[in-house]
Amino acid sequence: MVAAVRVHKPGGPEVLTYEEIDIPPPGPGQVRLKQHAAGINFIDTYFRIGMYPSPVGMPFVAGNEGTGEVIALGPGVTDLKVGDRVGYVVPLGAYAAERNLPAERAVKLPAGISYEQAAATMLKGMTVCYLVRRTFEVKPGNTVLIHAAAGGVGLIASQWANLLGATVIGTVGTKEKAALAKANGCHHTILYRDEDFVARVKDITKGALCDVVYDGVGKTTFPASLDCLRPLGMFVSFGSASGPVEAFNINLLQTKGSLFATRPTLNHYAAKREDLLKLAAETFDVIMSGKVKIPVNQKYPLKDARQAHIDLESRATTGASILLT
């Protein structure tokens, strides 16, 4: 029996249940992990409330990102060995002291990356990697707008976009978060609760607007985000922290400047193992260089997963949050 946090029915943080569960031996192509940490992400709340259906039905172990030590191998596993340190992003199962994992989704951690760093990197770090290097390739001279710039993805994205030579504008909720965003790569910050972020973007850019908007917020920042883009700019919607963007008339993109809009996900950018390993290597390299840091600002014991979700959804957190399993 191992400790885990499961969801038996969709709902708020109160449906996260800390309990003991049985785990079978690893099957063909699987490894067994003794977990050290699990990342806490908004996607975890989407599965919890039922916005994203559980691929394994009910009940399910929550969590999509984690790290641990390989303690057993299933039949046919050749690329990993007992004792390897690995990280992963897979649908569900991370909020547990131990778990079975498809070996092909496990990534070996470099010696310079800790379990805790990696637990905040596998999803958020690789998401930023594909956002700024693949979805829209940020280059020197670009102007980018990053919503929720003091959040887990936001702080990493602000640093990385700055590193790539962009002018970085970030929206945040408080003056404290503005200071944090500025310390992590933002050249300009906008207090979205007190200021009209479209008007401020126009002011900051002297009317030139942005090349790309990275939006993990969703409903409350759309369609105003489109008004922050110059003609032929790109709107990148990668999350729905305030609720999903609802259906809209695609002609809106034409009237606002022949804009591009995309809704990418790491699942597709890392679908092939070779792409997963490339993204992980590029992400680990930039972290180990010291040029992009992974701020783990909240740590919770596994049994406090419910409180971690409350804090995340109330915007009480900054940077990354992890569960220590």
Protein backbone atom coordinates (compact mmCIF):
# COMPACT_ATOMS: atom_id res chain seq x y z
CA MET A 1 0.00 0.00 0.00
CA VAL A 2 1.26 3.46 -0.85
CA ALA A 3 0.00 6.96 -0.10
CA ALA A 4 -1.79 8.75 -2.92
CA VAL A 5 -4.25 11.55 -3.60
CA ARG A 6 -7.26 10.41 -5.60
CA VAL A 7 -10.37 11.95 -7.13
CA HIS A 8 -13.56 9.88 -6.81
CA LYS A 9 -15.92 12.45 -8.32
CA PRO A 10 -15.47 15.81 -10.11
CA GLY A 11 -15.49 18.90 -7.96
CA GLY A 12 -13.53 21.49 -6.01
CA PRO A 13 -10.38 20.93 -3.96
CA GLU A 14 -12.46 19.06 -1.36
CA VAL A 15 -12.69 16.03 -3.70
CA LEU A 16 -8.94 15.41 -3.39
CA THR A 17 -8.75 12.41 -1.06
CA TYR A 18 -5.54 11.36 0.68
CA GLU A 19 -5.59 7.57 1.04
CA GLU A 20 -3.63 4.32 0.75
CA ILE A 21 -3.81 2.37 -2.53
CA ASP A 22 -2.45 -0.86 -3.98
CA ILE A 23 -0.17 -0.68 -7.03
CA PRO A 24 0.49 -3.78 -9.15
CA PRO A 25 4.00 -4.71 -10.32
CA PRO A 26 5.15 -2.77 -13.40
CA GLY A 27 3.75 -4.22 -16.61
CA PRO A 28 5.44 -4.62 -20.01
CA GLY A 29 7.25 -1.42 -20.97
CA GLN A 30 6.71 0.14 -17.54
CA VAL A 31 8.96 1.17 -14.66
CA ARG A 32 8.10 1.55 -10.98
CA LEU A 33 9.11 4.85 -9.40
CA LYS A 34 9.68 5.80 -5.81
CA GLN A 35 8.57 9.37 -6.21
CA HIS A 36 10.29 12.37 -4.68
CA ALA A 37 8.17 15.28 -5.88
CA ALA A 38 5.18 16.11 -8.05
CA GLY A 39 4.47 19.37 -9.84
CA ILE A 40 1.21 21.21 -9.17
CA ASN A 41 -0.34 22.72 -12.29
CA PHE A 42 -3.61 24.24 -13.43
CA ILE A 43 -4.12 21.24 -15.70
CA ASP A 44 -4.47 19.19 -12.51
CA THR A 45 -7.51 21.28 -11.61
CA TYR A 46 -9.00 20.77 -15.09
CA PHE A 47 -8.97 16.99 -14.55
CA ARG A 48 -10.25 17.42 -10.99
CA ILE A 49 -13.32 19.43 -12.02
CA GLY A 50 -14.01 17.28 -15.07
CA MET A 51 -13.13 19.88 -17.73
CA TYR A 52 -10.69 17.26 -19.04
CA PRO A 53 -12.05 13.71 -18.83
CA SER A 54 -9.93 11.18 -16.95
CA PRO A 55 -8.49 8.63 -19.42
CA VAL A 56 -8.67 5.96 -16.70
CA GLY A 57 -12.15 6.74 -15.39
CA MET A 58 -12.93 7.17 -11.69
CA PRO A 59 -11.32 7.12 -9.22
CA PHE A 60 -7.96 8.39 -10.46
CA VAL A 61 -4.71 9.54 -8.88
CA ALA A 62 -4.29 13.25 -9.59
CA GLY A 63 -1.21 14.98 -10.99
CA ASN A 64 0.50 15.11 -14.37
CA GLU A 65 4.16 15.88 -13.63
CA GLY A 66 6.64 14.25 -11.30
CA THR A 67 10.11 12.92 -10.53
CA GLY A 68 11.49 9.88 -8.84
CA GLU A 69 13.92 6.98 -8.68
CA VAL A 70 13.40 3.81 -10.70
CA ILE A 71 12.98 0.91 -8.25
CA ALA A 72 11.69 -1.84 -10.57
CA LEU A 73 11.54 -2.64 -14.29
CA GLY A 74 8.71 -4.27 -16.19
CA PRO A 75 9.31 -6.77 -19.00
CA GLY A 76 10.98 -5.34 -22.08
CA VAL A 77 12.45 -2.18 -20.53
CA THR A 78 16.03 -1.72 -21.72
CA ASP A 79 16.69 2.03 -21.75
CA LEU A 80 16.41 2.48 -17.98
CA LYS A 81 17.83 0.70 -14.96
CA VAL A 82 17.06 0.52 -11.26
CA GLY A 83 18.48 3.60 -9.55
CA ASP A 84 18.00 5.99 -12.49
CA ARG A 85 16.67 9.45 -11.60
CA VAL A 86 13.84 10.41 -13.95
CA GLY A 87 11.18 12.99 -14.57
CA TYR A 88 8.01 12.77 -16.63
CA VAL A 89 4.81 14.38 -17.86
CA VAL A 90 1.92 11.96 -18.39
CA PRO A 91 -1.83 12.19 -17.83
CA LEU A 92 -2.52 11.53 -14.15
CA GLY A 93 -0.87 9.51 -11.42
CA ALA A 94 1.74 11.93 -10.06
CA TYR A 95 0.24 12.61 -6.62
CA ALA A 96 1.51 9.35 -5.10
CA ALA A 97 4.48 8.04 -3.13
CA GLU A 98 5.07 5.38 -5.80
CA ARG A 99 3.70 4.76 -9.26
CA ASN A 100 4.10 2.78 -12.48
CA LEU A 101 5.05 4.76 -15.56
CA PRO A 102 5.52 4.00 -19.28
CA ALA A 103 9.30 3.86 -19.68
CA GLU A 104 9.13 5.68 -23.01
CA ARG A 105 7.80 8.80 -21.25
CA ALA A 106 10.53 8.86 -18.61
CA VAL A 107 13.43 11.28 -19.06
CA LYS A 108 16.71 10.78 -17.22
CA LEU A 109 17.61 13.77 -15.07
CA PRO A 110 21.09 15.30 -15.44
CA ALA A 111 23.22 15.36 -12.30
CA GLY A 112 22.83 19.15 -12.16
CA ILE A 113 19.01 19.00 -11.89
CA SER A 114 17.43 18.15 -8.52
CA TYR A 115 14.22 16.19 -8.08
CA GLU A 116 12.47 19.32 -6.83
CA GLN A 117 13.69 21.45 -9.75
CA ALA A 118 12.64 18.79 -12.22
CA ALA A 119 9.18 18.44 -10.64
CA ALA A 120 8.62 22.08 -11.52
CA THR A 121 10.32 21.77 -14.91
CA MET A 122 8.97 18.76 -16.76
CA LEU A 123 5.64 20.37 -17.59
CA LYS A 124 6.19 24.09 -17.04
CA GLY A 125 9.77 24.27 -18.32
CA MET A 126 9.19 22.17 -21.42
CA THR A 127 5.97 24.09 -22.08
CA VAL A 128 7.95 27.34 -22.13
CA CYS A 129 10.56 25.71 -24.35
CA TYR A 130 8.10 24.81 -27.08
CA LEU A 131 6.21 28.11 -26.68
CA VAL A 132 9.23 30.36 -27.23
CA ARG A 133 11.28 28.07 -29.49
CA ARG A 134 8.66 26.24 -31.59
CA THR A 135 5.14 27.73 -31.50
CA PHE A 136 6.45 31.28 -31.99
CA GLU A 137 10.21 31.47 -32.25
CA VAL A 138 11.13 34.47 -30.15
CA LYS A 139 13.99 36.50 -31.63
CA PRO A 140 15.87 39.67 -30.74
CA GLY A 141 13.70 42.71 -31.32
CA ASN A 142 10.37 40.96 -30.72
CA THR A 143 7.91 42.36 -28.21
CA VAL A 144 6.02 39.71 -26.25
CA LEU A 145 3.12 39.91 -23.81
CA ILE A 146 2.96 37.22 -21.14
CA HIS A 147 -0.20 36.95 -19.05
CA ALA A 148 0.16 35.81 -15.43
CA ALA A 149 3.85 36.64 -15.59
CA ALA A 150 4.45 35.83 -11.92
CA GLY A 151 3.00 32.33 -12.19
CA GLY A 152 4.80 29.03 -12.67
CA VAL A 153 4.99 29.22 -16.46
CA GLY A 154 5.07 33.02 -16.49
CA LEU A 155 8.30 33.43 -14.51
CA ILE A 156 10.10 30.89 -16.69
CA ALA A 157 8.71 32.35 -19.92
CA SER A 158 9.67 35.88 -18.92
CA GLN A 159 13.26 34.84 -18.25
CA TRP A 160 13.57 32.80 -21.42
CA ALA A 161 12.00 35.42 -23.72
CA ASN A 162 14.30 38.04 -22.21
CA LEU A 163 17.27 35.73 -22.79
CA LEU A 164 16.26 35.44 -26.45
CA GLY A 165 16.40 39.23 -26.84
CA ALA A 166 12.72 40.17 -26.65
CA THR A 167 11.12 43.10 -24.89
CA VAL A 168 8.94 41.37 -22.30
CA ILE A 169 5.66 42.81 -20.99
CA GLY A 170 3.93 40.87 -18.22
CA THR A 171 0.50 41.17 -16.65
CA VAL A 172 0.28 40.49 -12.90
CA GLY A 173 -2.27 40.85 -10.11
CA THR A 174 -0.36 42.73 -7.40
CA LYS A 175 2.57 45.07 -6.89
CA GLU A 176 4.44 42.25 -5.15
CA LYS A 177 3.97 40.02 -8.18
CA ALA A 178 5.06 42.89 -10.42
CA ALA A 179 8.35 43.14 -8.53
CA LEU A 180 8.83 39.39 -8.85
CA ALA A 181 8.11 39.45 -12.58
CA LYS A 182 10.57 42.30 -13.10
CA ALA A 183 13.22 40.37 -11.19
CA ASN A 184 12.63 37.47 -13.58
CA GLY A 185 12.94 39.09 -16.98
CA CYS A 186 9.97 41.40 -17.50
CA HIS A 187 10.91 44.85 -18.76
CA HIS A 188 7.39 46.19 -18.11
CA THR A 189 4.56 45.00 -15.89
CA ILE A 190 0.84 45.76 -15.96
CA LEU A 191 -1.44 45.43 -12.93
CA TYR A 192 -4.38 43.88 -14.76
CA ARG A 193 -6.80 44.43 -11.85
CA ASP A 194 -6.13 48.16 -11.75
CA GLU A 195 -5.16 48.98 -15.34
CA ASP A 196 -6.54 48.43 -18.83
CA PHE A 197 -3.87 46.08 -20.15
CA VAL A 198 -4.63 46.87 -23.80
CA ALA A 199 -4.22 50.60 -23.22
CA ARG A 200 -1.02 50.00 -21.27
CA VAL A 201 0.42 47.80 -24.02
CA LYS A 202 -0.31 50.52 -26.57
CA ASP A 203 1.37 53.05 -24.30
CA ILE A 204 4.44 50.89 -23.57
CA THR A 205 4.97 50.02 -27.25
CA LYS A 206 4.09 53.54 -28.48
CA GLY A 207 1.34 52.01 -30.60
CA ALA A 208 3.52 49.35 -32.25
CA LEU A 209 1.91 46.52 -30.22
CA CYS A 210 3.25 42.98 -29.74
CA ASP A 211 4.46 40.22 -32.00
CA VAL A 212 3.01 37.48 -29.78
CA VAL A 213 0.75 37.11 -26.75
CA TYR A 214 1.27 34.07 -24.54
CA ASP A 215 -1.95 33.49 -22.63
CA GLY A 216 -2.45 30.82 -19.99
CA VAL A 217 -5.39 32.67 -18.41
CA GLY A 218 -8.12 32.17 -21.01
CA LYS A 219 -11.62 33.52 -20.64
CA THR A 220 -10.94 36.82 -18.84
CA THR A 221 -8.13 37.95 -21.16
CA PHE A 222 -9.91 37.14 -24.44
CA PRO A 223 -10.61 38.78 -26.85
CA ALA A 224 -8.76 41.81 -25.44
CA SER A 225 -5.44 40.01 -25.99
CA LEU A 226 -6.04 40.26 -29.74
CA ASP A 227 -6.00 44.06 -29.45
CA CYS A 228 -2.44 43.84 -28.11
CA LEU A 229 -1.14 42.33 -31.36
CA ARG A 230 0.27 44.07 -34.38
CA PRO A 231 -0.94 42.92 -37.81
CA LEU A 232 0.13 39.31 -38.54
CA GLY A 233 0.84 38.79 -34.83
CA MET A 234 0.20 35.50 -33.03
CA PHE A 235 -2.14 34.74 -30.14
CA VAL A 236 -0.96 31.66 -28.26
CA SER A 237 -3.58 30.28 -25.86
CA PHE A 238 -1.96 27.53 -23.80
CA GLY A 239 -4.11 27.47 -20.65
CA SER A 240 -7.49 28.27 -19.14
CA ALA A 241 -6.85 29.41 -15.57
CA SER A 242 -9.95 31.65 -15.64
CA GLY A 243 -12.00 29.28 -17.79
CA PRO A 244 -11.74 28.30 -21.46
CA VAL A 245 -11.90 30.72 -24.36
CA GLU A 246 -15.35 30.27 -25.84
CA ALA A 247 -16.14 29.81 -29.52
CA PHE A 248 -15.65 32.98 -31.55
CA ASN A 249 -16.15 34.14 -35.12
CA ILE A 250 -12.87 33.45 -36.91
CA ASN A 251 -13.37 36.63 -38.94
CA LEU A 252 -12.32 38.45 -35.78
CA LEU A 253 -8.72 37.50 -36.60
CA GLN A 254 -9.01 39.19 -40.00
CA THR A 255 -10.59 42.39 -38.71
CA LYS A 256 -7.91 42.77 -36.04
CA GLY A 257 -4.97 42.46 -38.42
CA SER A 258 -4.90 39.04 -40.16
CA LEU A 259 -3.81 37.52 -36.87
CA PHE A 260 -2.76 33.95 -36.16
CA ALA A 261 -4.22 32.03 -33.22
CA THR A 262 -3.21 28.63 -31.86
CA ARG A 263 -4.03 26.39 -28.90
CA PRO A 264 -0.93 24.22 -28.47
CA THR A 265 -0.22 21.51 -25.91
CA LEU A 266 2.95 19.78 -24.78
CA ASN A 267 1.32 16.42 -25.54
CA HIS A 268 1.62 17.09 -29.26
CA TYR A 269 5.02 18.81 -29.22
CA ALA A 270 6.45 15.88 -27.24
CA ALA A 271 4.36 13.06 -28.73
CA LYS A 272 7.40 11.31 -30.23
CA ARG A 273 10.08 10.20 -27.80
CA GLU A 274 12.78 11.91 -29.85
CA ASP A 275 10.91 15.23 -29.57
CA LEU A 276 10.38 14.70 -25.84
CA LEU A 277 14.09 14.14 -25.31
CA LYS A 278 15.03 17.18 -27.42
CA LEU A 279 12.68 19.44 -25.49
CA ALA A 280 13.94 18.09 -22.17
CA ALA A 281 17.59 18.46 -23.14
CA GLU A 282 17.10 22.04 -24.35
CA THR A 283 15.20 22.91 -21.17
CA PHE A 284 17.74 21.28 -18.84
CA ASP A 285 20.62 22.96 -20.68
CA VAL A 286 19.23 26.48 -20.26
CA ILE A 287 18.50 25.81 -16.57
CA MET A 288 21.95 24.37 -15.85
CA SER A 289 23.50 27.38 -17.61
CA GLY A 290 21.98 29.53 -14.86
CA LYS A 291 20.35 31.81 -17.43
CA VAL A 292 16.85 30.57 -16.64
CA LYS A 293 15.97 29.67 -13.06
CA ILE A 294 13.07 27.55 -11.84
CA PRO A 295 11.56 29.32 -8.82
CA VAL A 296 9.92 26.71 -6.56
CA ASN A 297 8.14 29.06 -4.18
CA GLN A 298 5.63 26.69 -2.53
CA LYS A 299 6.25 23.17 -1.20
CA TYR A 300 3.54 21.02 0.36
CA PRO A 301 3.51 17.51 1.83
CA LEU A 302 1.45 15.07 -0.25
CA LYS A 303 -1.34 15.03 2.33
CA ASP A 304 -1.87 18.78 1.81
CA ALA A 305 -2.71 18.55 -1.91
CA ARG A 306 -6.16 19.99 -1.19
CA GLN A 307 -4.64 23.16 0.31
CA ALA A 308 -2.20 23.39 -2.61
CA HIS A 309 -5.13 23.50 -5.06
CA ILE A 310 -6.93 26.11 -2.95
CA ASP A 311 -3.83 28.31 -2.98
CA LEU A 312 -3.26 27.84 -6.71
CA GLU A 313 -6.82 28.66 -7.73
CA SER A 314 -7.03 31.69 -5.42
CA ARG A 315 -3.93 33.21 -7.08
CA ALA A 316 -2.10 33.04 -3.74
CA THR A 317 0.99 31.43 -5.26
CA THR A 318 3.95 32.68 -7.28
CA GLY A 319 6.31 30.65 -9.40
CA ALA A 320 6.07 26.88 -9.12
CA SER A 321 4.38 24.74 -6.47
CA ILE A 322 5.29 21.13 -5.74
CA LEU A 323 4.15 18.26 -3.58
CA LEU A 324 6.83 16.38 -1.68
CA THR A 325 5.87 12.75 -2.01
